[in-house]
Amino acid sequence: MRERMLPIFLLIIATAFFGEMKVNPFGSSFRFSLGSAVFFFGLIWFRTVPVVWTGLLTGLFISLFRTSIDLLMSGVSWGDSLLSHLPAACYYLAFALFVHALRLRNYMELPIHVALLGASIDFASNIVELFVRHLMGETIAMTHETVFMLILFGILRSFCVVGLYNILMIQQMQTLGEARRQELERLVMINATLYEEAFYLRKSMSHMEDITRKSYELYTKLMDGEVVEPSMALYIAEHVHEVKKDSQRIFAGLSELMNQEQRDLRLSIAELCGMVVRANQKYAELLKKEIAFQWTSDLHLSTRHVYALLSVLNNLVANAVEAIPLSGWIQLRAELDGEDLVFTVTDSGPGIPEDERDWVFQLGFTTKYDEHGNPSTGIGLTHAKEIVHSFNGKIQLTTDENGRTQFQINIPSKQL
C-alpha cells in the first residue's frame, strides 16, 4: 500500500507545482499549464497507480492548492476563489476517466497512437472544464480560434509527454541491454573456461583408467610372486603425477569461477543424495540411457565426511546406471534405523545372479567390459566396502520386496 501511495503523492505535488507555470488565454482563471502534461506523464509512467482515484485526488488537491495561493497573494474571498478553481478539478477527473475508459496504458508500444489519443483526451477534458465554467457563470466564447488553441495545446502537450516517455524507456532498455550484454559476455567466458577444464578432465579420466588397470596388474603380479619390471611402477608414478598436475589446474580454474573456497565443507544427507542423483543423471545422459531417478531423504542430519560418502554412493549408483540396458529407474533412499543411518540403492536392471552375489565384493571381480572387450578392474565395490568398514558400518547385497537386487549400507550415525 505504501509503495502505491508514494507515486500518487509525488504525482499530485508535481502536478500542482507545474500547474503554476501557466498562461491564461481567455482572461479568466482557465489556464494552459505544464501541470496537465505532468499529470498525463505520471499516469502512463506509474503503471500501478489507480487512474480514476488519482484523478479525483489530484483535482481536489489542486483546487485547494490554488485557492490557498489566492488567499495568500490577493484579497479574494475563500468561497469565490474555490469556485473559480473547482472546474480545474473537473478537468483532471475527466482526464483520468477518459484514460481509464480508453485503456490508454495498453497501447504504450504504439507511441503515435497514444499521442493522438492523449491529445484527444486533453481537448475533451478542456471542453469539460469550459462547460463547467459556463454552468458556473463564466462567459468564454467558443470561437474557431478557441477550438484551434485547445487542439494545438493538446497536441503539443501530448506529443511532448509521449516523446519524453519513449526517450526514458529507450534509455532504460539501453541500460538493460548493456547489463544483459555484460552478463552474456560473462557467461560466454565461463562457458569457455568450463570447456577448457572439461578437456583436461577427460584427459585425466583417461589417464586414471589406465593407471587403475596398470596398478591392478602390478598388484596381481606381486601377489603371484612374479618378477615385476621397475618401469611399470615408474609408468604409474609418471601418470599419477600428470593427473595430479591436471587436477591442480582444473581446481584452480573452477576455484576462480566460484570465487570461494570451502575449507570446512559440511552437507546435509539430503543435499548429499541430491548431488549423487544429479551427477548420475548426467552420467546416464552421457551413456544415452533414459533412466528415471528417485531419491528420498527426510533426515535433518549433516556430516563432514562428504567425500567418503560421495565415493561410496556414487560408486553404487553409477554401477546401477551401467547395469541398466537402455532405460529403467534407480532409487536412492536414506533413512534412520535405530542408531544406524541406512542408504539403499535399488534399480530396475537385470540384477546379479545368485551364484555370483558372494563374489561382488571380492577384489578383481567384475561383470563389466568396455567396447573393446577389456574388463573393468573390479575395485569399485571393494573400495566402497573398505570405506564403509572404516565407519564401523556394513554394506551388503540384498533384495527388495519384489526380488530386485539392491545394495544396503548401514553406518552408525554417531560415526558421521
Protein backbone atom coordinates (compact mmCIF):
# COMPACT_ATOMS: atom_id res chain seq x y z
CA MET A 1 0.00 0.00 0.00
CA ARG A 2 2.82 2.40 0.89
CA GLU A 3 4.57 1.63 -2.43
CA ARG A 4 1.38 2.64 -4.28
CA MET A 5 0.64 5.80 -2.26
CA LEU A 6 4.11 7.31 -2.74
CA PRO A 7 3.81 7.66 -6.57
CA ILE A 8 0.31 9.13 -6.16
CA PHE A 9 1.59 11.67 -3.65
CA LEU A 10 4.55 12.65 -5.85
CA LEU A 11 2.31 12.95 -8.90
CA ILE A 12 -0.19 15.21 -7.09
CA ILE A 13 2.54 17.52 -5.75
CA ALA A 14 4.35 17.73 -9.10
CA THR A 15 1.10 18.42 -10.97
CA ALA A 16 0.17 21.21 -8.56
CA PHE A 17 3.63 22.80 -8.72
CA PHE A 18 3.98 22.70 -12.51
CA GLY A 19 0.38 23.86 -12.81
CA GLU A 20 1.58 27.30 -11.74
CA MET A 21 3.68 27.53 -14.89
CA LYS A 22 0.76 28.77 -16.93
CA VAL A 23 -0.86 31.11 -19.42
CA ASN A 24 -4.45 32.41 -19.12
CA PRO A 25 -5.59 32.75 -22.74
CA PHE A 26 -9.20 33.79 -22.15
CA GLY A 27 -8.82 36.40 -19.40
CA SER A 28 -10.27 34.08 -16.74
CA SER A 29 -8.93 31.52 -14.29
CA PHE A 30 -8.87 28.92 -17.10
CA ARG A 31 -5.26 28.16 -17.91
CA PHE A 32 -2.90 26.17 -20.09
CA SER A 33 -0.13 24.83 -17.83
CA LEU A 34 2.55 22.21 -17.56
CA GLY A 35 0.53 20.59 -14.79
CA SER A 36 -1.67 18.65 -17.18
CA ALA A 37 1.42 17.40 -19.05
CA VAL A 38 2.98 16.22 -15.78
CA PHE A 39 -0.30 14.55 -14.81
CA PHE A 40 -0.50 12.72 -18.16
CA PHE A 41 3.12 11.59 -17.87
CA GLY A 42 2.54 10.31 -14.33
CA LEU A 43 -0.47 8.24 -15.38
CA ILE A 44 1.47 6.40 -18.10
CA TRP A 45 4.77 6.12 -16.20
CA PHE A 46 3.41 4.88 -12.86
CA ARG A 47 1.51 1.91 -14.22
CA THR A 48 0.40 0.63 -10.81
CA VAL A 49 -1.47 3.73 -9.60
CA PRO A 50 -5.30 3.66 -9.84
CA VAL A 51 -6.18 6.10 -12.61
CA VAL A 52 -9.61 7.33 -11.50
CA TRP A 53 -8.73 7.76 -7.83
CA THR A 54 -5.54 9.58 -8.78
CA GLY A 55 -7.50 11.97 -10.99
CA LEU A 56 -10.04 12.69 -8.25
CA LEU A 57 -7.41 13.29 -5.57
CA THR A 58 -5.31 15.43 -7.92
CA GLY A 59 -8.29 17.58 -8.88
CA LEU A 60 -9.34 18.20 -5.26
CA PHE A 61 -5.81 18.97 -4.12
CA ILE A 62 -5.18 21.40 -7.00
CA SER A 63 -8.41 23.26 -6.27
CA LEU A 64 -7.41 23.69 -2.62
CA PHE A 65 -3.79 24.48 -3.54
CA ARG A 66 -4.74 27.26 -5.97
CA THR A 67 -7.31 28.61 -3.53
CA SER A 68 -4.64 28.80 -0.82
CA ILE A 69 -2.32 30.71 -3.18
CA ASP A 70 -5.11 33.19 -3.97
CA LEU A 71 -5.74 33.76 -0.27
CA LEU A 72 -2.06 34.45 0.31
CA MET A 73 -1.45 36.59 -2.78
CA SER A 74 -4.72 38.54 -3.19
CA GLY A 75 -7.71 39.67 -1.20
CA VAL A 76 -10.39 37.50 -2.81
CA SER A 77 -12.73 35.56 -0.58
CA TRP A 78 -12.18 31.88 0.09
CA GLY A 79 -15.52 30.88 -1.43
CA ASP A 80 -15.07 32.83 -4.67
CA SER A 81 -11.55 31.51 -5.15
CA LEU A 82 -12.63 27.91 -4.58
CA LEU A 83 -15.48 28.22 -7.07
CA SER A 84 -13.15 29.70 -9.70
CA HIS A 85 -10.70 26.80 -9.36
CA LEU A 86 -13.17 23.96 -8.84
CA PRO A 87 -13.64 23.44 -12.63
CA ALA A 88 -9.94 22.55 -12.80
CA ALA A 89 -10.75 19.56 -10.61
CA CYS A 90 -13.29 18.54 -13.26
CA TYR A 91 -10.53 18.71 -15.89
CA TYR A 92 -8.26 16.25 -14.03
CA LEU A 93 -11.12 13.93 -13.11
CA ALA A 94 -12.38 13.92 -16.71
CA PHE A 95 -8.83 13.33 -17.99
CA ALA A 96 -8.43 10.30 -15.69
CA LEU A 97 -11.85 8.91 -16.65
CA PHE A 98 -11.03 9.15 -20.36
CA VAL A 99 -7.64 7.47 -19.84
CA HIS A 100 -9.33 4.68 -17.90
CA ALA A 101 -12.19 4.24 -20.37
CA LEU A 102 -9.91 4.14 -23.42
CA ARG A 103 -7.41 1.81 -21.65
CA LEU A 104 -4.61 4.06 -22.84
CA ARG A 105 -1.93 2.18 -20.89
CA ASN A 106 -2.49 -0.93 -23.02
CA TYR A 107 -1.21 0.81 -26.16
CA MET A 108 2.13 2.16 -24.95
CA GLU A 109 4.00 0.18 -27.61
CA LEU A 110 2.22 2.38 -30.21
CA PRO A 111 3.55 5.88 -29.40
CA ILE A 112 1.80 7.77 -32.26
CA HIS A 113 -1.48 6.13 -31.34
CA VAL A 114 -1.01 7.07 -27.68
CA ALA A 115 -0.01 10.64 -28.53
CA LEU A 116 -3.11 11.16 -30.68
CA LEU A 117 -5.35 9.66 -28.02
CA GLY A 118 -3.66 11.85 -25.41
CA ALA A 119 -4.28 14.97 -27.48
CA SER A 120 -7.93 13.99 -27.90
CA ILE A 121 -8.29 13.36 -24.17
CA ASP A 122 -6.66 16.72 -23.38
CA PHE A 123 -9.03 18.51 -25.78
CA ALA A 124 -12.09 16.71 -24.41
CA SER A 125 -11.08 17.41 -20.78
CA ASN A 126 -10.64 21.10 -21.58
CA ILE A 127 -14.13 21.14 -23.12
CA VAL A 128 -15.49 19.58 -19.91
CA GLU A 129 -13.77 22.26 -17.81
CA LEU A 130 -15.07 25.07 -20.05
CA PHE A 131 -18.57 23.62 -19.91
CA VAL A 132 -18.44 23.54 -16.08
CA ARG A 133 -17.20 27.13 -16.06
CA HIS A 134 -20.08 28.07 -18.37
CA LEU A 135 -22.54 26.45 -15.94
CA MET A 136 -20.96 28.49 -13.11
CA GLY A 137 -21.50 31.76 -14.99
CA GLU A 138 -18.17 32.34 -16.74
CA THR A 139 -18.51 33.51 -20.33
CA ILE A 140 -15.84 32.13 -22.64
CA ALA A 141 -16.72 32.35 -26.34
CA MET A 142 -16.20 29.09 -28.25
CA THR A 143 -14.80 30.53 -31.46
CA HIS A 144 -12.68 28.86 -34.13
CA GLU A 145 -9.64 30.43 -32.54
CA THR A 146 -10.57 28.96 -29.13
CA VAL A 147 -11.03 25.46 -30.56
CA PHE A 148 -7.79 25.76 -32.55
CA MET A 149 -5.90 26.81 -29.41
CA LEU A 150 -7.33 23.88 -27.41
CA ILE A 151 -6.35 21.41 -30.14
CA LEU A 152 -2.88 22.95 -30.56
CA PHE A 153 -2.03 22.86 -26.85
CA GLY A 154 -3.45 19.34 -26.58
CA ILE A 155 -1.23 18.12 -29.41
CA LEU A 156 1.87 19.89 -28.09
CA ARG A 157 1.48 18.60 -24.55
CA SER A 158 0.53 15.08 -25.58
CA PHE A 159 3.35 14.57 -28.10
CA CYS A 160 5.91 16.07 -25.70
CA VAL A 161 4.78 13.72 -22.92
CA VAL A 162 4.80 10.61 -25.12
CA GLY A 163 8.16 11.67 -26.59
CA LEU A 164 9.69 12.07 -23.13
CA TYR A 165 8.20 8.73 -22.04
CA ASN A 166 9.73 6.92 -25.01
CA ILE A 167 13.11 8.64 -24.56
CA LEU A 168 13.23 7.42 -20.95
CA MET A 169 12.07 3.93 -21.96
CA ILE A 170 14.75 3.75 -24.66
CA GLN A 171 17.40 4.78 -22.13
CA GLN A 172 16.07 2.18 -19.72
CA MET A 173 16.15 -0.50 -22.42
CA GLN A 174 19.67 0.51 -23.42
CA THR A 175 20.80 0.22 -19.80
CA LEU A 176 19.11 -3.16 -19.51
CA GLY A 177 20.58 -4.26 -22.83
CA GLU A 178 24.07 -3.25 -21.72
CA ALA A 179 23.64 -5.19 -18.47
CA ARG A 180 22.46 -8.24 -20.41
CA ARG A 181 25.34 -7.89 -22.87
CA GLN A 182 27.83 -7.86 -20.00
CA GLU A 183 26.10 -10.85 -18.42
CA LEU A 184 26.20 -12.71 -21.75
CA GLU A 185 29.91 -11.96 -22.11
CA ARG A 186 30.47 -13.24 -18.58
CA LEU A 187 28.55 -16.45 -19.34
CA VAL A 188 30.48 -16.93 -22.57
CA MET A 189 33.77 -16.61 -20.67
CA ILE A 190 32.53 -19.06 -18.05
CA ASN A 191 31.49 -21.49 -20.78
CA ALA A 192 34.88 -21.19 -22.47
CA THR A 193 36.63 -21.80 -19.14
CA LEU A 194 34.43 -24.81 -18.37
CA TYR A 195 35.08 -26.22 -21.84
CA GLU A 196 38.81 -25.98 -21.21
CA GLU A 197 38.50 -27.60 -17.78
CA ALA A 198 36.31 -30.37 -19.24
CA PHE A 199 39.03 -31.10 -21.81
CA TYR A 200 41.61 -31.59 -19.07
CA LEU A 201 39.12 -33.60 -17.04
CA ARG A 202 38.53 -36.02 -19.93
CA LYS A 203 42.29 -36.35 -20.32
CA SER A 204 42.68 -37.08 -16.59
CA MET A 205 39.86 -39.64 -16.65
CA SER A 206 41.57 -41.50 -19.45
CA HIS A 207 44.84 -41.49 -17.52
CA MET A 208 43.17 -42.61 -14.31
CA GLU A 209 41.50 -45.56 -16.03
CA ASP A 210 44.89 -46.60 -17.41
CA ILE A 211 46.57 -46.08 -14.03
CA THR A 212 43.92 -48.18 -12.30
CA ARG A 213 44.37 -51.04 -14.76
CA LYS A 214 48.18 -50.92 -14.54
CA SER A 215 48.05 -50.71 -10.74
CA TYR A 216 45.83 -53.77 -10.55
CA GLU A 217 48.13 -55.65 -12.94
CA LEU A 218 51.05 -54.74 -10.69
CA TYR A 219 49.10 -55.91 -7.63
CA THR A 220 48.22 -59.28 -9.17
CA LYS A 221 51.81 -59.89 -10.29
CA LEU A 222 53.13 -59.07 -6.82
CA MET A 223 50.54 -61.35 -5.22
CA ASP A 224 51.55 -64.17 -7.57
CA GLY A 225 55.22 -63.64 -6.76
CA GLU A 226 56.14 -62.71 -10.31
CA VAL A 227 59.12 -60.56 -11.18
CA VAL A 228 57.93 -57.02 -11.85
CA GLU A 229 59.70 -54.62 -14.17
CA PRO A 230 60.55 -51.34 -12.38
CA SER A 231 59.33 -49.49 -15.45
CA MET A 232 55.75 -50.49 -14.59
CA ALA A 233 55.93 -48.68 -11.24
CA LEU A 234 57.62 -45.72 -12.94
CA TYR A 235 54.85 -45.66 -15.56
CA ILE A 236 52.22 -45.49 -12.82
CA ALA A 237 54.11 -42.78 -10.92
CA GLU A 238 54.52 -40.65 -14.06
CA HIS A 239 50.83 -40.86 -14.92
CA VAL A 240 49.76 -40.16 -11.33
CA HIS A 241 51.99 -37.09 -11.40
CA GLU A 242 50.38 -35.92 -14.65
CA VAL A 243 46.87 -36.49 -13.28
CA LYS A 244 47.84 -34.54 -10.17
CA LYS A 245 49.03 -31.59 -12.27
CA ASP A 246 45.86 -31.65 -14.37
CA SER A 247 43.72 -31.85 -11.24
CA GLN A 248 45.51 -28.87 -9.72
CA ARG A 249 44.92 -26.89 -12.87
CA ILE A 250 41.23 -27.86 -13.01
CA PHE A 251 40.79 -26.98 -9.35
CA ALA A 252 42.45 -23.60 -9.86
CA GLY A 253 40.19 -22.81 -12.80
CA LEU A 254 36.99 -23.84 -11.02
CA SER A 255 38.02 -22.03 -7.84
CA GLU A 256 38.44 -18.84 -9.82
CA LEU A 257 34.93 -19.27 -11.22
CA MET A 258 33.36 -19.90 -7.84
CA ASN A 259 35.49 -17.19 -6.19
CA GLN A 260 35.29 -19.01 -2.91
CA GLU A 261 37.00 -21.82 -1.07
CA GLN A 262 35.18 -24.22 1.20
CA ARG A 263 37.72 -25.40 3.71
CA ASP A 264 35.24 -26.75 6.21
CA LEU A 265 32.68 -28.46 3.97
CA ARG A 266 29.56 -29.75 5.67
CA LEU A 267 26.49 -31.03 3.86
CA SER A 268 23.15 -32.41 4.89
CA ILE A 269 22.35 -36.01 3.97
CA ALA A 270 19.56 -34.76 1.72
CA GLU A 271 21.96 -32.45 -0.18
CA LEU A 272 24.42 -35.32 -0.49
CA CYS A 273 21.80 -37.61 -2.03
CA GLY A 274 20.74 -34.83 -4.39
CA MET A 275 24.32 -34.34 -5.57
CA VAL A 276 24.70 -38.07 -6.24
CA VAL A 277 21.47 -38.20 -8.24
CA ARG A 278 22.29 -35.09 -10.31
CA ALA A 279 25.78 -36.34 -11.12
CA ASN A 280 24.49 -39.72 -12.27
CA GLN A 281 21.67 -38.19 -14.29
CA LYS A 282 24.39 -36.55 -16.37
CA TYR A 283 26.27 -39.86 -16.49
CA ALA A 284 23.14 -41.59 -17.80
CA GLU A 285 22.71 -38.90 -20.47
CA LEU A 286 26.34 -39.37 -21.46
CA LEU A 287 25.68 -43.10 -21.95
CA LYS A 288 22.47 -42.24 -23.87
CA LYS A 289 20.25 -44.06 -21.39
CA GLU A 290 16.78 -42.97 -20.30
CA ILE A 291 16.81 -43.53 -16.56
CA ALA A 292 14.33 -42.11 -14.06
CA PHE A 293 15.99 -41.27 -10.75
CA GLN A 294 14.16 -41.18 -7.43
CA TRP A 295 15.63 -40.24 -4.10
CA THR A 296 14.09 -39.78 -0.67
CA SER A 297 15.67 -38.36 2.44
CA ASP A 298 13.72 -36.64 5.20
CA LEU A 299 16.66 -36.64 7.60
CA HIS A 300 17.74 -33.48 9.38
CA LEU A 301 21.32 -34.66 9.65
CA SER A 302 24.55 -33.30 8.24
CA THR A 303 28.09 -34.61 8.01
CA ARG A 304 31.65 -33.52 7.34
CA HIS A 305 32.53 -36.89 5.78
CA VAL A 306 31.25 -35.69 2.43
CA TYR A 307 33.89 -37.10 0.10
CA ALA A 308 33.85 -40.56 1.64
CA LEU A 309 30.08 -40.90 1.40
CA LEU A 310 30.05 -39.42 -2.12
CA SER A 311 32.62 -42.01 -3.16
CA VAL A 312 30.52 -44.90 -1.86
CA LEU A 313 27.12 -43.69 -3.10
CA ASN A 314 28.44 -42.56 -6.49
CA ASN A 315 30.02 -45.97 -6.96
CA LEU A 316 26.78 -47.81 -6.24
CA VAL A 317 24.54 -45.54 -8.30
CA ALA A 318 27.00 -45.41 -11.22
CA ASN A 319 27.11 -49.24 -11.20
CA ALA A 320 23.32 -49.24 -11.41
CA VAL A 321 23.44 -46.80 -14.36
CA GLU A 322 25.89 -49.07 -16.17
CA ALA A 323 23.83 -52.19 -15.40
CA ILE A 324 20.59 -50.83 -16.88
CA PRO A 325 20.49 -51.65 -20.64
CA LEU A 326 18.76 -48.66 -22.27
CA SER A 327 16.03 -47.41 -19.95
CA GLY A 328 14.86 -48.01 -16.42
CA TRP A 329 14.85 -46.46 -12.99
CA ILE A 330 17.13 -46.09 -9.96
CA GLN A 331 16.04 -45.32 -6.42
CA LEU A 332 18.26 -43.96 -3.64
CA ARG A 333 16.89 -43.85 -0.10
CA ALA A 334 18.40 -42.52 3.13
CA GLU A 335 16.68 -43.22 6.45
CA LEU A 336 17.34 -43.86 10.10
CA ASP A 337 17.00 -47.35 11.53
CA GLY A 338 17.57 -47.01 15.25
CA GLU A 339 21.09 -45.64 15.66
CA ASP A 340 22.10 -46.51 12.10
CA LEU A 341 21.97 -44.35 9.01
CA VAL A 342 20.80 -46.62 6.18
CA PHE A 343 21.36 -45.96 2.47
CA THR A 344 19.59 -48.21 -0.05
CA VAL A 345 20.21 -48.27 -3.80
CA THR A 346 17.70 -50.20 -5.91
CA ASP A 347 17.45 -50.35 -9.70
CA SER A 348 15.43 -51.98 -12.45
CA GLY A 349 18.47 -53.61 -14.04
CA PRO A 350 18.89 -57.34 -14.69
CA GLY A 351 20.36 -57.83 -11.23
CA ILE A 352 23.23 -60.04 -10.14
CA PRO A 353 22.88 -63.83 -10.45
CA GLU A 354 22.57 -65.56 -7.11
CA ASP A 355 25.66 -67.67 -7.64
CA GLU A 356 27.77 -64.52 -8.12
CA ARG A 357 26.50 -62.49 -5.16
CA ASP A 358 29.11 -63.85 -2.77
CA TRP A 359 31.85 -62.59 -5.10
CA VAL A 360 30.76 -59.00 -5.80
CA PHE A 361 32.89 -57.50 -3.01
CA GLN A 362 35.95 -59.59 -3.89
CA LEU A 363 38.88 -57.67 -5.34
CA GLY A 364 39.01 -58.04 -9.13
CA PHE A 365 35.54 -59.48 -9.62
CA THR A 366 33.63 -57.73 -12.41
CA THR A 367 30.78 -58.24 -14.84
CA LYS A 368 31.54 -55.09 -16.87
CA TYR A 369 33.54 -54.84 -20.09
CA ASP A 370 34.21 -51.85 -22.33
CA GLU A 371 33.54 -51.67 -26.09
CA HIS A 372 36.95 -53.24 -26.78
CA GLY A 373 36.28 -56.22 -24.50
CA ASN A 374 38.58 -55.03 -21.72
CA PRO A 375 37.23 -55.97 -18.27
CA SER A 376 36.72 -53.44 -15.52
CA THR A 377 39.20 -53.57 -12.64
CA GLY A 378 36.61 -54.78 -10.13
CA ILE A 379 38.00 -52.42 -7.50
CA GLY A 380 34.99 -50.12 -7.01
CA LEU A 381 32.86 -52.23 -4.67
CA THR A 382 35.92 -53.36 -2.73
CA HIS A 383 36.89 -49.72 -2.22
CA ALA A 384 33.32 -48.87 -1.17
CA LYS A 385 33.32 -51.74 1.31
CA GLU A 386 36.58 -50.57 2.87
CA ILE A 387 35.22 -47.02 3.29
CA VAL A 388 32.03 -48.30 4.93
CA HIS A 389 34.04 -50.55 7.26
CA SER A 390 36.18 -47.55 8.25
CA PHE A 391 33.00 -46.06 9.77
CA ASN A 392 32.24 -49.37 11.59
CA GLY A 393 29.43 -49.94 9.12
CA LYS A 394 28.47 -52.73 6.76
CA ILE A 395 27.48 -52.99 3.12
CA GLN A 396 25.51 -55.91 1.80
CA LEU A 397 23.76 -57.09 -1.34
CA THR A 398 20.10 -57.87 -0.66
CA THR A 399 16.77 -57.93 -2.50
CA ASP A 400 13.69 -55.77 -2.05
CA GLU A 401 10.12 -56.99 -1.57
CA ASN A 402 9.83 -57.56 -5.34
CA GLY A 403 13.01 -59.56 -5.56
CA ARG A 404 15.04 -56.79 -7.19
CA THR A 405 18.74 -56.55 -6.40
CA GLN A 406 19.65 -53.74 -4.02
CA PHE A 407 22.68 -52.59 -2.08
CA GLN A 408 22.19 -51.56 1.53
CA ILE A 409 24.66 -49.60 3.64
CA ASN A 410 24.35 -49.34 7.41
CA ILE A 411 26.59 -46.85 9.20
CA PRO A 412 26.23 -45.83 12.88
CA SER A 413 25.03 -42.23 12.74
CA LYS A 414 27.41 -41.16 15.52
CA GLN A 415 30.33 -42.08 13.21
CA LEU A 416 29.21 -39.40 10.75
